[in-house]
Protein backbone atom coordinates (compact mmCIF):
# COMPACT_ATOMS: atom_id res chain seq x y z
CA MET A 1 0.02 -0.05 0.04
CA ALA A 2 1.46 3.34 -1.02
CA GLY A 3 2.31 5.62 1.86
CA THR A 4 1.99 2.83 4.45
CA PRO A 5 5.01 2.50 6.80
CA GLU A 6 6.85 -0.80 6.53
CA ASN A 7 6.16 -1.58 10.20
CA ALA A 8 2.42 -1.05 9.84
CA LYS A 9 1.71 -4.74 8.83
CA PRO A 10 3.58 -6.24 11.86
CA ARG A 11 1.79 -3.78 14.19
CA VAL A 12 -1.65 -4.77 12.74
CA ILE A 13 -0.81 -8.46 13.31
CA LEU A 14 0.53 -7.86 16.79
CA TRP A 15 -2.46 -5.67 17.84
CA THR A 16 -4.92 -8.10 16.23
CA PHE A 17 -3.49 -10.85 18.45
CA VAL A 18 -3.55 -8.77 21.56
CA PHE A 19 -7.01 -7.32 20.90
CA GLY A 20 -8.27 -10.88 19.97
CA LEU A 21 -6.96 -12.12 23.30
CA VAL A 22 -8.70 -9.32 25.16
CA LEU A 23 -12.03 -10.11 23.43
CA ASN A 24 -11.69 -13.79 24.14
CA ILE A 25 -10.94 -13.20 27.78
CA LEU A 26 -13.85 -10.81 28.27
CA GLY A 27 -16.16 -13.15 26.37
CA TRP A 28 -15.02 -16.14 28.43
CA LEU A 29 -15.62 -14.24 31.66
CA GLY A 30 -19.11 -13.09 30.51
CA ASN A 31 -20.04 -16.54 29.21
CA ASN A 32 -18.93 -18.23 32.43
CA LEU A 33 -19.82 -15.71 35.06
CA TRP A 34 -22.89 -14.03 33.67
CA LEU A 35 -24.36 -16.63 31.26
CA GLY A 36 -22.93 -19.94 32.57
CA GLN A 37 -26.06 -21.30 34.08
CA LEU A 38 -28.13 -20.33 30.97
CA TRP A 39 -25.56 -21.99 28.78
CA ASP A 40 -25.73 -25.18 30.98
CA GLU A 41 -29.55 -25.14 30.69
CA THR A 42 -29.44 -24.59 26.94
CA GLY A 43 -26.96 -27.41 26.43
CA ALA A 44 -29.06 -29.85 28.72
CA ALA A 45 -32.15 -29.02 26.76
CA ALA A 46 -30.67 -29.12 23.25
CA GLN A 47 -31.04 -32.10 21.03
CA ALA A 48 -27.71 -33.06 19.50
CA ALA A 49 -28.75 -32.73 15.96
CA PHE A 50 -25.18 -32.05 14.82
CA VAL A 51 -22.07 -33.68 16.15
CA ALA A 52 -18.89 -32.04 15.05
CA PRO A 53 -16.69 -34.38 12.96
CA TRP A 54 -13.51 -32.91 14.53
CA PRO A 55 -11.81 -33.44 17.92
CA PRO A 56 -12.76 -31.15 20.88
CA LEU A 57 -9.51 -29.26 20.66
CA VAL A 58 -10.37 -28.18 17.12
CA LYS A 59 -13.88 -27.26 18.18
CA GLU A 60 -12.36 -25.01 20.94
CA VAL A 61 -9.95 -23.30 18.57
CA ILE A 62 -12.84 -22.63 16.09
CA SER A 63 -14.93 -21.12 18.88
CA LEU A 64 -12.08 -18.78 19.71
CA LEU A 65 -11.35 -17.75 16.16
CA SER A 66 -14.26 -15.39 15.71
CA ASP A 67 -12.94 -12.97 18.27
CA PHE A 68 -9.67 -12.77 16.36
CA ILE A 69 -11.58 -12.09 13.11
CA TYR A 70 -13.50 -9.24 14.86
CA ALA A 71 -10.18 -8.07 16.31
CA PHE A 72 -8.55 -8.03 12.89
CA ALA A 73 -11.44 -5.96 11.42
CA MET A 74 -11.30 -3.43 14.25
CA VAL A 75 -7.51 -3.03 14.27
CA TRP A 76 -7.12 -2.93 10.53
CA ILE A 77 -9.97 -0.45 9.97
CA PHE A 78 -8.89 1.67 13.03
CA SER A 79 -5.26 1.65 11.91
CA HIS A 80 -6.30 3.01 8.43
CA ALA A 81 -8.77 5.60 9.68
CA LYS A 82 -8.03 9.25 9.86
CA GLU A 83 -9.68 9.66 13.18
CA LYS A 84 -7.97 7.87 16.03
CA THR A 85 -10.20 8.72 18.99
CA VAL A 86 -11.98 6.73 21.68
CA ALA A 87 -15.35 7.97 20.23
CA PHE A 88 -14.44 6.61 16.79
CA ALA A 89 -13.25 3.35 18.29
CA LEU A 90 -16.57 2.91 20.09
CA LYS A 91 -18.57 3.65 16.85
CA LEU A 92 -16.37 1.19 15.02
CA ALA A 93 -16.91 -1.51 17.74
CA PHE A 94 -20.73 -0.91 17.45
CA VAL A 95 -20.71 -1.20 13.54
CA ILE A 96 -18.67 -4.38 13.65
CA TRP A 97 -20.84 -5.85 16.33
CA LEU A 98 -23.98 -4.99 14.29
CA ALA A 99 -22.57 -6.35 11.06
CA GLY A 100 -20.95 -9.38 12.72
CA ALA A 101 -22.06 -10.70 16.08
CA ALA A 102 -25.61 -9.40 16.05
CA LEU A 103 -26.21 -10.76 12.61
CA VAL A 104 -24.76 -14.11 13.43
CA TYR A 105 -26.95 -14.47 16.53
CA LEU A 106 -30.02 -13.37 14.64
CA VAL A 107 -29.26 -16.16 12.06
CA MET A 108 -28.76 -18.66 14.89
CA VAL A 109 -32.20 -17.92 16.31
CA ASN A 110 -33.86 -17.88 12.85
CA SER A 111 -32.30 -21.26 12.04
CA GLY A 112 -33.37 -22.78 15.37
CA PHE A 113 -29.77 -23.39 16.36
CA LEU A 114 -30.11 -21.36 19.61
CA PRO A 115 -33.06 -20.18 21.70
CA LEU A 116 -33.92 -16.40 21.57
CA GLU A 117 -32.82 -15.62 25.21
CA ILE A 118 -29.34 -17.11 25.01
CA SER A 119 -28.76 -15.59 21.54
CA VAL A 120 -29.93 -12.10 22.61
CA LYS A 121 -27.79 -12.23 25.87
CA THR A 122 -24.72 -13.57 24.11
CA SER A 123 -25.07 -10.97 21.38
CA LEU A 124 -25.32 -8.23 24.14
CA LEU A 125 -22.26 -9.74 25.85
CA ALA A 126 -20.38 -9.42 22.57
CA LEU A 127 -21.43 -5.84 22.29
CA ALA A 128 -20.17 -5.18 25.90
CA THR A 129 -16.83 -6.89 25.21
CA PHE A 130 -16.36 -4.87 21.98
CA LEU A 131 -17.16 -1.61 23.78
CA LEU A 132 -15.01 -2.41 26.70
CA ALA A 133 -12.01 -3.25 24.54
CA ALA A 134 -12.44 -0.47 21.97
CA PRO A 135 -10.71 2.19 24.02
CA LEU A 136 -7.53 0.23 23.81
CA LEU A 137 -7.36 0.97 20.04
CA PRO A 138 -6.44 4.69 20.28
CA ALA A 139 -4.12 3.87 23.14
CA VAL A 140 -1.94 1.50 21.09
CA ILE A 141 -2.52 2.62 17.50
CA LYS A 142 -1.32 6.22 17.19
CA ASN A 143 -0.82 6.61 13.39
């Protein structure tokens, strides 16, 4: 990319990894501390219509991957934006949540994969994690 510093790519990769870890940690805390019982109830009531054909470790890695994808989108867009403020980071987090997590959970409800309550609460948890982590962007990505 013309005009892009040579060290910009490694910084995007580094901050994507760090930001993805933050999103995963916040999501894990929320899913276990706030939604743990609801997830247990949902799992107990669910009929196992689909059994993953891969080992449990692969399933866990796949479940963690989405936060790194969201992190990449946030870090990449923020690093290329003209405005590098907390307000912009919060707006960006909301837009990515709306286009990503909210849409995914809406599809999960519509497809019958998850009940409405757990989908709404998990989507709101994703929004909270995005908004909590967003102020880190201007703190670490200056230009």
